[in-house]
Protein backbone atom coordinates (compact mmCIF):
# COMPACT_ATOMS: atom_id res chain seq x y z
CA MET A 1 9.95 4.13 -2.20
CA SER A 2 6.44 4.60 -0.55
CA GLU A 3 7.56 6.67 2.01
CA ALA A 4 9.06 8.84 -1.04
CA GLY A 5 5.56 8.29 -2.57
CA LEU A 6 7.46 6.83 -5.49
CA GLN A 7 5.86 3.04 -5.47
CA ARG A 8 4.48 1.54 -8.18
CA PRO A 9 1.07 0.50 -8.22
CA GLU A 10 1.64 -2.98 -9.87
CA SER A 11 4.46 -3.43 -7.36
CA ILE A 12 1.96 -2.54 -4.57
CA ALA A 13 -0.40 -5.09 -5.99
CA TYR A 14 1.96 -7.97 -6.12
CA LEU A 15 3.10 -7.26 -2.52
CA LYS A 16 -1.09 -8.01 -1.49
CA GLU A 17 -0.95 -10.78 -3.52
CA LYS A 18 1.92 -12.22 -1.84
CA VAL A 19 1.20 -11.37 1.51
CA GLY A 20 -2.58 -12.57 1.30
CA SER A 21 -1.45 -16.02 0.23
CA GLY A 22 1.47 -16.20 2.81
CA GLU A 23 4.12 -16.63 0.11
CA LEU A 24 6.18 -13.61 0.68
CA TYR A 25 9.88 -14.69 0.06
CA GLY A 26 13.33 -12.83 0.58
CA GLN A 27 14.52 -12.41 -2.83
CA TYR A 28 13.02 -12.04 -6.15
CA ASP A 29 14.36 -11.60 -10.10
CA LYS A 30 12.86 -9.17 -12.52
CA GLN A 31 10.15 -11.07 -13.24
CA GLY A 32 8.94 -11.80 -9.98
CA LYS A 33 10.02 -15.29 -9.65
CA PRO A 34 11.22 -15.93 -5.70
CA LEU A 35 14.87 -16.66 -5.91
CA ASN A 36 14.52 -18.43 -2.61
CA GLN A 37 12.00 -19.88 0.04
CA ILE A 38 13.43 -17.43 2.71
CA GLN A 39 10.23 -16.43 5.10
CA SER A 40 10.87 -14.35 8.15
CA THR A 41 9.21 -11.73 11.01
CA ALA A 42 11.36 -9.04 9.03
CA ILE A 43 10.14 -9.31 5.82
CA TYR A 44 6.73 -9.45 6.53
CA ALA A 45 7.18 -6.48 9.11
CA ILE A 46 8.82 -4.16 6.26
CA SER A 47 5.37 -5.33 4.29
CA ALA A 48 3.32 -4.05 7.19
CA MET A 49 5.37 -0.64 7.30
CA ILE A 50 5.18 -0.11 3.76
CA GLY A 51 1.26 -0.55 4.21
CA SER A 52 0.95 1.86 7.15
CA VAL A 53 3.26 4.16 5.08
CA LEU A 54 0.66 3.97 2.45
CA GLY A 55 -2.55 4.07 4.95
CA ASP A 56 -3.60 0.81 3.40
CA GLU A 57 -5.11 -1.04 6.41
CA GLU A 58 -5.42 -4.44 4.75
CA LEU A 59 -2.04 -4.44 3.56
CA TYR A 60 -0.50 -4.02 7.31
CA ARG A 61 -3.00 -6.27 8.95
CA ASP A 62 -2.57 -9.07 6.58
CA SER A 63 1.42 -8.68 7.20
CA ILE A 64 1.38 -8.27 10.82
CA THR A 65 -1.14 -11.70 10.82
CA GLN A 66 1.76 -13.40 8.49
CA MET A 67 4.45 -12.18 10.77
CA GLU A 68 2.78 -13.49 14.29
CA LYS A 69 3.18 -16.62 12.80
CA TYR A 70 6.64 -16.42 13.90
CA GLN A 71 6.31 -15.10 17.40
CA VAL A 72 7.01 -17.96 20.09
CA GLN A 73 3.73 -19.00 21.59
CA ASP A 74 4.93 -22.01 24.06
CA LYS A 75 5.21 -20.53 27.39
CA THR A 76 7.99 -22.84 28.28
CA SER A 77 10.17 -21.21 25.80
CA PRO A 78 12.96 -19.17 26.87
CA LEU A 79 11.99 -16.75 24.02
CA TYR A 80 8.46 -16.84 24.51
CA GLY A 81 7.01 -13.48 23.29
CA GLY A 82 9.57 -12.96 20.83
CA PHE A 83 9.96 -13.90 17.29
CA GLY A 84 12.63 -16.67 16.66
CA ASP A 85 13.02 -20.78 16.45
CA PRO A 86 11.96 -22.36 19.86
CA GLY A 87 13.62 -25.82 18.44
CA THR A 88 17.10 -24.54 17.70
CA LYS A 89 16.41 -21.42 20.53
CA GLN A 90 17.66 -18.80 18.05
CA ALA A 91 16.84 -15.15 17.59
CA TYR A 92 17.18 -12.50 15.52
CA SER A 93 17.64 -8.97 16.96
CA PHE A 94 17.17 -7.40 13.43
CA ASP A 95 13.77 -9.54 13.20
CA ASN A 96 12.26 -9.13 16.72
CA LEU A 97 13.37 -5.20 15.82
CA MET A 98 11.61 -5.15 12.90
CA ALA A 99 8.38 -6.55 14.35
CA LEU A 100 8.53 -3.71 17.23
CA LEU A 101 8.72 -1.22 14.32
CA ALA A 102 5.86 -2.77 12.60
CA TYR A 103 4.13 -2.57 15.77
CA ALA A 104 4.98 0.88 16.20
CA HIS A 105 3.38 1.68 12.95
CA GLN A 106 -0.20 0.26 13.86
CA SER A 107 -0.98 3.85 15.70
CA ARG A 108 -0.31 5.68 12.73
CA VAL A 109 -2.72 3.16 10.65
CA PHE A 110 -5.21 3.81 12.79
CA ALA A 111 -4.80 7.55 13.71
CA ASP A 112 -5.18 8.01 9.41
CA VAL A 113 -8.19 5.76 9.64
CA LYS A 114 -9.85 7.50 12.41
CA ALA A 115 -8.98 10.72 10.84
CA GLY A 116 -10.99 9.94 7.78
CA GLU A 117 -14.31 8.98 9.50
C-alpha cells in the first residue's frame, strides 16, 4: 500500500507504535489485537521497507534495530552474522533475504534525507 501511496496514516501510526515497543506480530484481527505471538526478522524487515518507502527515517531505524535482535552474534555459531536460531541451528531463507532487502533500502532513506538538507 505504501508503494502505491495508499497507506492509511492511522495504520502507519499503529505500525510505528508496535515497532517502537518491540511488539510487532505476524497476524492481527481487524481491531488490531494480535492473533499470535510470532515475531521474526522478516516482519521487522518489511516494516523497515515501509519506513523507507515513506521516507520515515525513524520507522526505518527502529525496525532495523528490532530486526537485528534476531541476528546471530555468536562467532562460534555456523549461523554467525545471519538471522536464525543458534540453539536449533535453523535459519530461514525468507528471513535472511528480507533482511538484505531492508538493508538495501537504507541508501534510499538516507539519500532522501540528504536531498532534503
